[in-house]
Amino acid sequence: MTPSKPRPSDSPKQLLLMRDSPDELRSIQARARGWARVLKLPFRQQRWRGQTGEFAGTGTGSSLDFQDHRSYMPGDDPRQINWQAYARTGSYTMKLYREEVRPLVDLILDASESMFAYPAKEQRTLELLAYIVEAALQTGATVRAFAVRGAVHVPLEVDALVTGRWVSELGKLSATGDAAALARLPLRSGAMRVFISDLLFPAEPEPMLAPLASRNGRGLVFAPFASAEAAPDWQGNYEFIDAETQQPHEHRVESDVMQRYLRAYKRHFDLWKNAAAKHGIALARVSAEAEFLTALRTEGIAANAVEAA
């Protein structure tokens, strides 16, 4: 028995569509601004390339972070000459400083229907999306975003993410049970790549995660989960509804079946965590039932997916 994306048919078959409520989305975004001041994305854990900003880059610039000396060359800015060294040696030398840049963030939302299968999980998905946007924008990062479902993706405008207008773009994505094709996304070299997904794919984790770390990328995965799928209390006869296809299928759940499911569920995420570690990707599962900051801290800090302000 392998974990998939079913839910009992006595759960709501139609999504509550909290994401269609502008007032609710604005409320989530407002709370996210506060969360982003408490927990930060781990921008300071790597060097960046990009436009002028506040984070250490890979080149030299004019920040206060002294890096090295070198000999003066024609065309150099005379303001960077070390005049004290010239007074001692009679030779012109240049002070070099660490370049400061704005980091790049590529945000990827897994728009599979399972991400919205339970009300609490739908809300946690939207909260994670809002938090990532706010945490990136508050540091001056350059953000690009995509929604992906199977092999198809659509770009999401950042201002639309803040206002909630991104929801209409999801209508362009057909329902599918296929794994998200991250390799098809135009991810930028050297970007922080943040993937929000429940990871409930019948695919090998390693090929899926590899694009998040390619071309000097820094991969982060935030995986929302509901207790109804992580620790269900099923017992007896059930008609399940596949969250992706909406197709029903009947099962009788006895205690041995339940134990097999729980073992398979744990093994599934152990494989994802091992694959993430192999590629240097931070993976944090985020409970849908706990308070947001508590849920994010639980695995996020230990996994280096977030850091305290």
C-alpha atoms as a PDB file:
ATOM      1  CA  MET A   1       0.000   0.000   0.000  1.00  0.00           C
ATOM      2  CA  THR A   2       1.475   3.351  -0.986  1.00  0.00           C
ATOM      3  CA  PRO A   3       0.354   6.812   0.094  1.00  0.00           C
ATOM      4  CA  SER A   4      -1.697   8.601  -2.517  1.00  0.00           C
ATOM      5  CA  LYS A   5      -4.152  11.481  -2.451  1.00  0.00           C
ATOM      6  CA  PRO A   6      -7.503  10.047  -1.338  1.00  0.00           C
ATOM      7  CA  ARG A   7      -9.902  11.467   1.179  1.00  0.00           C
ATOM      8  CA  PRO A   8     -13.051   9.843   2.601  1.00  0.00           C
ATOM      9  CA  SER A   9     -16.197  10.797   0.759  1.00  0.00           C
ATOM     10  CA  ASP A  10     -17.686  12.217   3.952  1.00  0.00           C
ATOM     11  CA  SER A  11     -15.135  15.047   3.633  1.00  0.00           C
ATOM     12  CA  PRO A  12     -16.298  17.977   1.462  1.00  0.00           C
ATOM     13  CA  LYS A  13     -16.149  16.924  -2.181  1.00  0.00           C
ATOM     14  CA  GLN A  14     -16.060  20.544  -3.300  1.00  0.00           C
ATOM     15  CA  LEU A  15     -13.283  22.814  -2.108  1.00  0.00           C
ATOM     16  CA  LEU A  16     -14.259  25.599   0.238  1.00  0.00           C
ATOM     17  CA  LEU A  17     -12.344  27.848  -2.147  1.00  0.00           C
ATOM     18  CA  MET A  18     -10.999  30.120   0.530  1.00  0.00           C
ATOM     19  CA  ARG A  19      -8.609  31.257  -2.183  1.00  0.00           C
ATOM     20  CA  ASP A  20     -11.615  32.802  -3.982  1.00  0.00           C
ATOM     21  CA  SER A  21     -12.366  35.095  -1.039  1.00  0.00           C
ATOM     22  CA  PRO A  22     -10.566  38.456  -1.482  1.00  0.00           C
ATOM     23  CA  ASP A  23     -11.172  39.434   2.150  1.00  0.00           C
ATOM     24  CA  GLU A  24      -9.673  36.194   3.431  1.00  0.00           C
ATOM     25  CA  LEU A  25      -6.660  36.493   1.126  1.00  0.00           C
ATOM     26  CA  ARG A  26      -6.035  40.069   2.278  1.00  0.00           C
ATOM     27  CA  SER A  27      -6.264  38.917   5.896  1.00  0.00           C
ATOM     28  CA  ILE A  28      -3.731  36.156   5.282  1.00  0.00           C
ATOM     29  CA  GLN A  29      -1.372  38.576   3.523  1.00  0.00           C
ATOM     30  CA  ALA A  30      -1.595  41.018   6.439  1.00  0.00           C
ATOM     31  CA  ARG A  31      -0.693  38.282   8.926  1.00  0.00           C
ATOM     32  CA  ALA A  32       2.120  37.128   6.657  1.00  0.00           C
ATOM     33  CA  ARG A  33       3.814  40.524   6.962  1.00  0.00           C
ATOM     34  CA  GLY A  34       4.119  39.928  10.687  1.00  0.00           C
ATOM     35  CA  TRP A  35       5.311  36.338  10.287  1.00  0.00           C
ATOM     36  CA  ALA A  36       8.030  37.464   7.871  1.00  0.00           C
ATOM     37  CA  ARG A  37       9.410  39.812  10.527  1.00  0.00           C
ATOM     38  CA  VAL A  38       9.767  36.902  12.975  1.00  0.00           C
ATOM     39  CA  LEU A  39      11.090  34.139  10.708  1.00  0.00           C
ATOM     40  CA  LYS A  40      13.260  34.925   7.683  1.00  0.00           C
ATOM     41  CA  LEU A  41      14.198  32.962   4.598  1.00  0.00           C
ATOM     42  CA  PRO A  42      17.870  31.844   4.815  1.00  0.00           C
ATOM     43  CA  PHE A  43      19.309  34.473   2.451  1.00  0.00           C
ATOM     44  CA  ARG A  44      22.481  34.948   4.483  1.00  0.00           C
ATOM     45  CA  GLN A  45      23.556  31.337   4.051  1.00  0.00           C
ATOM     46  CA  GLN A  46      24.928  31.870   0.541  1.00  0.00           C
ATOM     47  CA  ARG A  47      26.476  34.393  -1.852  1.00  0.00           C
ATOM     48  CA  TRP A  48      24.255  36.037  -4.453  1.00  0.00           C
ATOM     49  CA  ARG A  49      24.403  37.597  -7.892  1.00  0.00           C
ATOM     50  CA  GLY A  50      21.931  40.302  -8.832  1.00  0.00           C
ATOM     51  CA  GLN A  51      21.100  43.987  -8.593  1.00  0.00           C
ATOM     52  CA  THR A  52      22.386  46.252  -5.852  1.00  0.00           C
ATOM     53  CA  GLY A  53      20.973  45.303  -2.462  1.00  0.00           C
ATOM     54  CA  GLU A  54      21.942  44.388   1.072  1.00  0.00           C
ATOM     55  CA  PHE A  55      23.243  40.805   0.806  1.00  0.00           C
ATOM     56  CA  ALA A  56      26.804  39.674   0.142  1.00  0.00           C
ATOM     57  CA  GLY A  57      27.509  39.017  -3.513  1.00  0.00           C
ATOM     58  CA  THR A  58      30.156  37.072  -5.386  1.00  0.00           C
ATOM     59  CA  GLY A  59      31.930  40.116  -6.815  1.00  0.00           C
ATOM     60  CA  THR A  60      33.458  43.313  -5.493  1.00  0.00           C
ATOM     61  CA  GLY A  61      31.681  46.585  -4.903  1.00  0.00           C
ATOM     62  CA  SER A  62      31.491  49.558  -2.575  1.00  0.00           C
ATOM     63  CA  SER A  63      29.941  48.205   0.627  1.00  0.00           C
ATOM     64  CA  LEU A  64      31.545  48.593   4.065  1.00  0.00           C
ATOM     65  CA  ASP A  65      32.589  44.934   4.092  1.00  0.00           C
ATOM     66  CA  PHE A  66      36.337  45.132   3.346  1.00  0.00           C
ATOM     67  CA  GLN A  67      37.612  42.228   1.251  1.00  0.00           C
ATOM     68  CA  ASP A  68      41.182  42.715  -0.018  1.00  0.00           C
ATOM     69  CA  HIS A  69      43.810  44.959  -1.687  1.00  0.00           C
ATOM     70  CA  ARG A  70      45.140  44.974  -5.236  1.00  0.00           C
ATOM     71  CA  SER A  71      47.391  47.197  -7.315  1.00  0.00           C
ATOM     72  CA  TYR A  72      45.935  50.302  -8.957  1.00  0.00           C
ATOM     73  CA  MET A  73      45.061  49.970 -12.657  1.00  0.00           C
ATOM     74  CA  PRO A  74      44.251  52.802 -15.104  1.00  0.00           C
ATOM     75  CA  GLY A  75      40.523  53.514 -15.029  1.00  0.00           C
ATOM     76  CA  ASP A  76      40.058  52.534 -11.359  1.00  0.00           C
ATOM     77  CA  ASP A  77      38.000  54.820  -9.126  1.00  0.00           C
ATOM     78  CA  PRO A  78      40.586  57.008  -7.296  1.00  0.00           C
ATOM     79  CA  ARG A  79      38.236  57.209  -4.327  1.00  0.00           C
ATOM     80  CA  GLN A  80      39.107  53.589  -3.550  1.00  0.00           C
ATOM     81  CA  ILE A  81      42.884  54.204  -3.411  1.00  0.00           C
ATOM     82  CA  ASN A  82      44.407  53.347  -0.056  1.00  0.00           C
ATOM     83  CA  TRP A  83      46.165  56.659   0.591  1.00  0.00           C
ATOM     84  CA  GLN A  84      47.631  55.484   3.893  1.00  0.00           C
ATOM     85  CA  ALA A  85      49.358  52.621   2.104  1.00  0.00           C
ATOM     86  CA  TYR A  86      50.569  55.056  -0.589  1.00  0.00           C
ATOM     87  CA  ALA A  87      52.116  57.298   2.103  1.00  0.00           C
ATOM     88  CA  ARG A  88      54.047  54.315   3.442  1.00  0.00           C
ATOM     89  CA  THR A  89      55.073  52.616   0.198  1.00  0.00           C
ATOM     90  CA  GLY A  90      54.736  55.167  -2.595  1.00  0.00           C
ATOM     91  CA  SER A  91      52.621  52.620  -4.540  1.00  0.00           C
ATOM     92  CA  TYR A  92      48.972  52.969  -5.410  1.00  0.00           C
ATOM     93  CA  THR A  93      46.807  50.142  -4.076  1.00  0.00           C
ATOM     94  CA  MET A  94      43.039  49.743  -4.207  1.00  0.00           C
ATOM     95  CA  LYS A  95      40.705  48.786  -1.382  1.00  0.00           C
ATOM     96  CA  LEU A  96      38.246  46.086  -2.451  1.00  0.00           C
ATOM     97  CA  TYR A  97      34.875  45.640  -0.788  1.00  0.00           C
ATOM     98  CA  ARG A  98      32.320  42.862  -0.975  1.00  0.00           C
ATOM     99  CA  GLU A  99      29.585  43.560  -3.514  1.00  0.00           C
ATOM    100  CA  GLU A 100      26.091  43.864  -2.085  1.00  0.00           C
ATOM    101  CA  VAL A 101      23.251  42.455  -4.187  1.00  0.00           C
ATOM    102  CA  ARG A 102      19.566  41.671  -4.189  1.00  0.00           C
ATOM    103  CA  PRO A 103      18.915  37.914  -4.131  1.00  0.00           C
ATOM    104  CA  LEU A 104      16.723  36.181  -6.701  1.00  0.00           C
ATOM    105  CA  VAL A 105      13.715  34.121  -5.580  1.00  0.00           C
ATOM    106  CA  ASP A 106      11.849  31.717  -7.872  1.00  0.00           C
ATOM    107  CA  LEU A 107       8.638  30.683  -6.090  1.00  0.00           C
ATOM    108  CA  ILE A 108       6.820  27.563  -7.285  1.00  0.00           C
ATOM    109  CA  LEU A 109       3.329  26.636  -6.107  1.00  0.00           C
ATOM    110  CA  ASP A 110       2.192  23.048  -6.575  1.00  0.00           C
ATOM    111  CA  ALA A 111      -1.404  23.643  -7.697  1.00  0.00           C
ATOM    112  CA  SER A 112      -2.468  19.993  -7.413  1.00  0.00           C
ATOM    113  CA  GLU A 113      -5.988  19.625  -6.050  1.00  0.00           C
ATOM    114  CA  SER A 114      -4.602  17.685  -3.073  1.00  0.00           C
ATOM    115  CA  MET A 115      -3.055  20.937  -1.853  1.00  0.00           C
ATOM    116  CA  PHE A 116      -6.617  22.152  -1.225  1.00  0.00           C
ATOM    117  CA  ALA A 117      -8.215  18.826  -0.241  1.00  0.00           C
ATOM    118  CA  TYR A 118      -8.960  19.813   3.376  1.00  0.00           C
ATOM    119  CA  PRO A 119      -9.951  23.267   4.655  1.00  0.00           C
ATOM    120  CA  ALA A 120      -7.020  23.476   7.087  1.00  0.00           C
ATOM    121  CA  LYS A 121      -4.555  22.346   4.426  1.00  0.00           C
ATOM    122  CA  GLU A 122      -5.939  24.824   1.899  1.00  0.00           C
ATOM    123  CA  GLN A 123      -5.480  27.642   4.406  1.00  0.00           C
ATOM    124  CA  ARG A 124      -1.940  26.522   5.284  1.00  0.00           C
ATOM    125  CA  THR A 125      -1.045  26.402   1.565  1.00  0.00           C
ATOM    126  CA  LEU A 126      -2.279  29.973   1.105  1.00  0.00           C
ATOM    127  CA  GLU A 127      -0.468  31.074   4.268  1.00  0.00           C
ATOM    128  CA  LEU A 128       2.809  29.584   3.071  1.00  0.00           C
ATOM    129  CA  LEU A 129       2.411  31.296  -0.290  1.00  0.00           C
ATOM    130  CA  ALA A 130       1.753  34.663   1.364  1.00  0.00           C
ATOM    131  CA  TYR A 131       4.606  34.192   3.832  1.00  0.00           C
ATOM    132  CA  ILE A 132       7.182  33.364   1.130  1.00  0.00           C
ATOM    133  CA  VAL A 133       6.149  36.411  -0.903  1.00  0.00           C
ATOM    134  CA  GLU A 134       6.376  38.730   2.105  1.00  0.00           C
ATOM    135  CA  ALA A 135       9.638  37.238   3.402  1.00  0.00           C
ATOM    136  CA  ALA A 136      11.221  37.707  -0.033  1.00  0.00           C
ATOM    137  CA  LEU A 137       9.880  41.221  -0.680  1.00  0.00           C
ATOM    138  CA  GLN A 138      10.829  42.484   2.781  1.00  0.00           C
ATOM    139  CA  THR A 139      14.471  41.735   2.017  1.00  0.00           C
ATOM    140  CA  GLY A 140      14.298  43.438  -1.382  1.00  0.00           C
ATOM    141  CA  ALA A 141      14.586  40.174  -3.335  1.00  0.00           C
ATOM    142  CA  THR A 142      13.574  39.997  -6.987  1.00  0.00           C
ATOM    143  CA  VAL A 143      10.688  37.514  -7.078  1.00  0.00           C
ATOM    144  CA  ARG A 144       9.253  35.427  -9.917  1.00  0.00           C
ATOM    145  CA  ALA A 145       6.445  32.946  -9.305  1.00  0.00           C
ATOM    146  CA  PHE A 146       4.833  30.000 -11.062  1.00  0.00           C
ATOM    147  CA  ALA A 147       1.914  27.675 -10.444  1.00  0.00           C
ATOM    148  CA  VAL A 148       2.501  24.141 -11.716  1.00  0.00           C
ATOM    149  CA  ARG A 149       0.208  21.158 -12.134  1.00  0.00           C
ATOM    150  CA  GLY A 150       1.729  18.129 -13.809  1.00  0.00           C
ATOM    151  CA  ALA A 151       3.558  19.124 -16.991  1.00  0.00           C
ATOM    152  CA  VAL A 152       1.811  22.505 -17.276  1.00  0.00           C
ATOM    153  CA  HIS A 153       2.741  25.749 -15.541  1.00  0.00           C
ATOM    154  CA  VAL A 154       1.566  29.348 -15.586  1.00  0.00           C
ATOM    155  CA  PRO A 155       3.509  32.432 -14.462  1.00  0.00           C
ATOM    156  CA  LEU A 156       2.050  34.394 -11.557  1.00  0.00           C
ATOM    157  CA  GLU A 157       2.612  38.132 -11.285  1.00  0.00           C
ATOM    158  CA  VAL A 158       3.952  39.123  -7.864  1.00  0.00           C
ATOM    159  CA  ASP A 159       1.507  42.009  -7.455  1.00  0.00           C
ATOM    160  CA  ALA A 160      -1.274  39.544  -8.255  1.00  0.00           C
ATOM    161  CA  LEU A 161      -0.015  37.278  -5.474  1.00  0.00           C
ATOM    162  CA  VAL A 162      -0.256  40.126  -2.984  1.00  0.00           C
ATOM    163  CA  THR A 163      -3.767  41.135  -4.067  1.00  0.00           C
ATOM    164  CA  GLY A 164      -5.143  37.631  -4.692  1.00  0.00           C
ATOM    165  CA  ARG A 165      -5.660  38.105  -8.442  1.00  0.00           C
ATOM    166  CA  TRP A 166      -3.416  35.082  -9.093  1.00  0.00           C
ATOM    167  CA  VAL A 167      -6.302  32.705  -8.378  1.00  0.00           C
ATOM    168  CA  SER A 168      -7.790  33.125 -11.853  1.00  0.00           C
ATOM    169  CA  GLU A 169      -4.569  31.762 -13.364  1.00  0.00           C
ATOM    170  CA  LEU A 170      -5.194  28.378 -11.724  1.00  0.00           C
ATOM    171  CA  GLY A 171      -8.161  27.899 -14.021  1.00  0.00           C
ATOM    172  CA  LYS A 172      -5.714  27.459 -16.882  1.00  0.00           C
ATOM    173  CA  LEU A 173      -4.314  24.294 -15.297  1.00  0.00           C
ATOM    174  CA  SER A 174      -6.103  21.037 -16.076  1.00  0.00           C
ATOM    175  CA  ALA A 175      -6.562  18.414 -13.367  1.00  0.00           C
ATOM    176  CA  THR A 176      -3.898  15.729 -13.448  1.00  0.00           C
ATOM    177  CA  GLY A 177      -2.341  13.216 -11.088  1.00  0.00           C
ATOM    178  CA  ASP A 178       1.099  13.615 -12.641  1.00  0.00           C
ATOM    179  CA  ALA A 179       4.107  14.888 -10.735  1.00  0.00           C
ATOM    180  CA  ALA A 180       5.002  18.546 -11.102  1.00  0.00           C
ATOM    181  CA  ALA A 181       7.477  18.956 -13.982  1.00  0.00           C
ATOM    182  CA  LEU A 182       9.913  21.361 -12.325  1.00  0.00           C
ATOM    183  CA  ALA A 183      12.514  20.784 -15.053  1.00  0.00           C
ATOM    184  CA  ARG A 184      10.267  22.659 -17.515  1.00  0.00           C
ATOM    185  CA  LEU A 185      10.255  25.870 -15.485  1.00  0.00           C
ATOM    186  CA  PRO A 186      12.515  28.790 -16.550  1.00  0.00           C
ATOM    187  CA  LEU A 187      14.343  28.925 -13.219  1.00  0.00           C
ATOM    188  CA  ARG A 188      17.093  31.533 -12.932  1.00  0.00           C
ATOM    189  CA  SER A 189      20.718  30.675 -12.345  1.00  0.00           C
ATOM    190  CA  GLY A 190      21.790  31.233  -8.756  1.00  0.00           C
ATOM    191  CA  ALA A 191      18.242  31.832  -7.489  1.00  0.00           C
ATOM    192  CA  MET A 192      16.683  30.665  -4.245  1.00  0.00           C
ATOM    193  CA  ARG A 193      14.010  28.242  -5.485  1.00  0.00           C
ATOM    194  CA  VAL A 194      11.100  27.787  -3.097  1.00  0.00           C
ATOM    195  CA  PHE A 195       8.707  24.914  -3.803  1.00  0.00           C
ATOM    196  CA  ILE A 196       5.410  24.730  -1.871  1.00  0.00           C
ATOM    197  CA  SER A 197       4.077  21.194  -2.299  1.00  0.00           C
ATOM    198  CA  ASP A 198       2.610  18.339  -0.271  1.00  0.00           C
ATOM    199  CA  LEU A 199       4.939  15.988  -2.228  1.00  0.00           C
ATOM    200  CA  LEU A 200       2.208  13.390  -2.640  1.00  0.00           C
ATOM    201  CA  PHE A 201       3.466  12.295  -6.044  1.00  0.00           C
ATOM    202  CA  PRO A 202       3.868   8.712  -7.321  1.00  0.00           C
ATOM    203  CA  ALA A 203       7.278   9.708  -8.673  1.00  0.00           C
ATOM    204  CA  GLU A 204      10.882   9.228  -7.643  1.00  0.00           C
ATOM    205  CA  PRO A 205      11.904  12.196  -5.468  1.00  0.00           C
ATOM    206  CA  GLU A 206      15.432  12.696  -6.768  1.00  0.00           C
ATOM    207  CA  PRO A 207      14.682  13.580 -10.430  1.00  0.00           C
ATOM    208  CA  MET A 208      11.891  15.877  -9.273  1.00  0.00           C
ATOM    209  CA  LEU A 209      14.041  17.782  -6.779  1.00  0.00           C
ATOM    210  CA  ALA A 210      17.195  18.048  -8.896  1.00  0.00           C
ATOM    211  CA  PRO A 211      16.052  21.206 -10.808  1.00  0.00           C
ATOM    212  CA  LEU A 212      15.789  23.091  -7.513  1.00  0.00           C
ATOM    213  CA  ALA A 213      19.544  22.752  -6.985  1.00  0.00           C
ATOM    214  CA  SER A 214      20.790  22.984 -10.580  1.00  0.00           C
ATOM    215  CA  ARG A 215      22.826  25.931 -11.915  1.00  0.00           C
ATOM    216  CA  ASN A 216      23.905  27.082  -8.440  1.00  0.00           C
ATOM    217  CA  GLY A 217      20.338  27.252  -7.153  1.00  0.00           C
ATOM    218  CA  ARG A 218      19.415  27.028  -3.481  1.00  0.00           C
ATOM    219  CA  GLY A 219      16.362  24.799  -3.022  1.00  0.00           C
ATOM    220  CA  LEU A 220      13.773  25.112  -0.254  1.00  0.00           C
ATOM    221  CA  VAL A 221      10.683  22.902   0.029  1.00  0.00           C
ATOM    222  CA  PHE A 222       7.756  23.654   2.323  1.00  0.00           C
ATOM    223  CA  ALA A 223       5.355  20.709   2.480  1.00  0.00           C
ATOM    224  CA  PRO A 224       1.956  21.391   4.108  1.00  0.00           C
ATOM    225  CA  PHE A 225       0.144  18.359   5.498  1.00  0.00           C
ATOM    226  CA  ALA A 226      -3.136  17.670   7.275  1.00  0.00           C
ATOM    227  CA  SER A 227      -3.508  15.272  10.179  1.00  0.00           C
ATOM    228  CA  ALA A 228      -6.338  13.604   8.224  1.00  0.00           C
ATOM    229  CA  GLU A 229      -3.729  12.262   5.770  1.00  0.00           C
ATOM    230  CA  ALA A 230      -0.723  11.924   8.104  1.00  0.00           C
ATOM    231  CA  ALA A 231      -2.562  10.169  10.953  1.00  0.00           C
ATOM    232  CA  PRO A 232      -6.089   9.240   9.802  1.00  0.00           C
ATOM    233  CA  ASP A 233      -8.518   7.388  12.055  1.00  0.00           C
ATOM    234  CA  TRP A 234     -10.126   5.322   9.319  1.00  0.00           C
ATOM    235  CA  GLN A 235     -11.803   2.118  10.452  1.00  0.00           C
ATOM    236  CA  GLY A 236     -14.394   0.148   8.480  1.00  0.00           C
ATOM    237  CA  ASN A 237     -15.890   0.638   5.021  1.00  0.00           C
ATOM    238  CA  TYR A 238     -15.152   3.865   3.146  1.00  0.00           C
ATOM    239  CA  GLU A 239     -15.737   5.337  -0.252  1.00  0.00           C
ATOM    240  CA  PHE A 240     -12.672   7.423  -1.018  1.00  0.00           C
ATOM    241  CA  ILE A 241     -12.492  10.291  -3.483  1.00  0.00           C
ATOM    242  CA  ASP A 242      -9.241  10.776  -5.374  1.00  0.00           C
ATOM    243  CA  ALA A 243      -8.286  14.399  -4.745  1.00  0.00           C
ATOM    244  CA  GLU A 244      -6.890  14.877  -8.258  1.00  0.00           C
ATOM    245  CA  THR A 245      -9.382  13.026 -10.462  1.00  0.00           C
ATOM    246  CA  GLN A 246     -12.452  13.128  -8.166  1.00  0.00           C
ATOM    247  CA  GLN A 247     -12.984   9.436  -8.963  1.00  0.00           C
ATOM    248  CA  PRO A 248     -14.495   7.328  -6.127  1.00  0.00           C
ATOM    249  CA  HIS A 249     -13.137   3.984  -5.018  1.00  0.00           C
ATOM    250  CA  GLU A 250     -14.255   1.778  -2.140  1.00  0.00           C
ATOM    251  CA  HIS A 251     -12.048   0.232   0.521  1.00  0.00           C
ATOM    252  CA  ARG A 252     -12.486  -1.548   3.787  1.00  0.00           C
ATOM    253  CA  VAL A 253      -9.897  -0.313   6.260  1.00  0.00           C
ATOM    254  CA  GLU A 254      -8.877  -2.811   8.941  1.00  0.00           C
ATOM    255  CA  SER A 255      -6.144  -2.254  11.502  1.00  0.00           C
ATOM    256  CA  ASP A 256      -3.497  -4.091   9.449  1.00  0.00           C
ATOM    257  CA  VAL A 257      -4.335  -1.975   6.380  1.00  0.00           C
ATOM    258  CA  MET A 258      -4.077   1.149   8.522  1.00  0.00           C
ATOM    259  CA  GLN A 259      -0.649   0.112   9.810  1.00  0.00           C
ATOM    260  CA  ARG A 260       0.583  -0.561   6.284  1.00  0.00           C
ATOM    261  CA  TYR A 261      -0.627   2.862   5.229  1.00  0.00           C
ATOM    262  CA  LEU A 262       1.167   4.609   8.100  1.00  0.00           C
ATOM    263  CA  ARG A 263       4.420   2.751   7.387  1.00  0.00           C
ATOM    264  CA  ALA A 264       4.178   3.598   3.691  1.00  0.00           C
ATOM    265  CA  TYR A 265       3.418   7.238   4.492  1.00  0.00           C
ATOM    266  CA  LYS A 266       6.502   7.507   6.708  1.00  0.00           C
ATOM    267  CA  ARG A 267       8.685   5.709   4.164  1.00  0.00           C
ATOM    268  CA  HIS A 268       7.434   8.030   1.420  1.00  0.00           C
ATOM    269  CA  PHE A 269       8.596  11.160   3.230  1.00  0.00           C
ATOM    270  CA  ASP A 270      11.825   9.557   4.394  1.00  0.00           C
ATOM    271  CA  LEU A 271      12.661   9.079   0.696  1.00  0.00           C
ATOM    272  CA  TRP A 272      11.895  12.734  -0.026  1.00  0.00           C
ATOM    273  CA  LYS A 273      14.015  13.948   2.883  1.00  0.00           C
ATOM    274  CA  ASN A 274      16.941  11.738   1.861  1.00  0.00           C
ATOM    275  CA  ALA A 275      16.741  12.978  -1.737  1.00  0.00           C
ATOM    276  CA  ALA A 276      16.560  16.582  -0.542  1.00  0.00           C
ATOM    277  CA  ALA A 277      19.628  16.119   1.669  1.00  0.00           C
ATOM    278  CA  LYS A 278      21.555  14.608  -1.244  1.00  0.00           C
ATOM    279  CA  HIS A 279      20.964  17.761  -3.321  1.00  0.00           C
ATOM    280  CA  GLY A 280      21.508  20.194  -0.443  1.00  0.00           C
ATOM    281  CA  ILE A 281      17.828  21.170  -0.414  1.00  0.00           C
ATOM    282  CA  ALA A 282      16.130  22.238   2.812  1.00  0.00           C
ATOM    283  CA  LEU A 283      12.832  20.370   3.254  1.00  0.00           C
ATOM    284  CA  ALA A 284      10.398  21.261   6.025  1.00  0.00           C
ATOM    285  CA  ARG A 285       6.987  19.686   6.510  1.00  0.00           C
ATOM    286  CA  VAL A 286       4.461  22.166   7.904  1.00  0.00           C
ATOM    287  CA  SER A 287       1.423  21.035   9.889  1.00  0.00           C
ATOM    288  CA  ALA A 288      -1.895  22.491   8.794  1.00  0.00           C
ATOM    289  CA  GLU A 289      -3.380  22.369  12.291  1.00  0.00           C
ATOM    290  CA  ALA A 290      -0.706  24.097  14.413  1.00  0.00           C
ATOM    291  CA  GLU A 291      -0.400  27.897  14.689  1.00  0.00           C
ATOM    292  CA  PHE A 292       1.548  29.132  11.658  1.00  0.00           C
ATOM    293  CA  LEU A 293       4.837  30.208  13.256  1.00  0.00           C
ATOM    294  CA  THR A 294       4.865  27.146  15.510  1.00  0.00           C
ATOM    295  CA  ALA A 295       4.272  24.851  12.527  1.00  0.00           C
ATOM    296  CA  LEU A 296       6.992  26.578  10.486  1.00  0.00           C
ATOM    297  CA  ARG A 297       9.540  26.475  13.302  1.00  0.00           C
ATOM    298  CA  THR A 298       8.999  22.781  14.063  1.00  0.00           C
ATOM    299  CA  GLU A 299      11.036  21.510  11.107  1.00  0.00           C
ATOM    300  CA  GLY A 300      11.908  24.757   9.351  1.00  0.00           C
ATOM    301  CA  ILE A 301      14.686  25.970  11.626  1.00  0.00           C
ATOM    302  CA  ALA A 302      16.374  22.577  12.049  1.00  0.00           C
ATOM    303  CA  ALA A 303      16.246  22.036   8.276  1.00  0.00           C
ATOM    304  CA  ASN A 304      17.687  25.541   7.595  1.00  0.00           C
ATOM    305  CA  ALA A 305      14.585  26.400   5.595  1.00  0.00           C
ATOM    306  CA  VAL A 306      13.959  29.456   7.787  1.00  0.00           C
ATOM    307  CA  GLU A 307      15.930  31.360  10.413  1.00  0.00           C
ATOM    308  CA  ALA A 308      14.977  33.554  13.359  1.00  0.00           C
ATOM    309  CA  ALA A 309      15.083  37.285  12.695  1.00  0.00           C
END
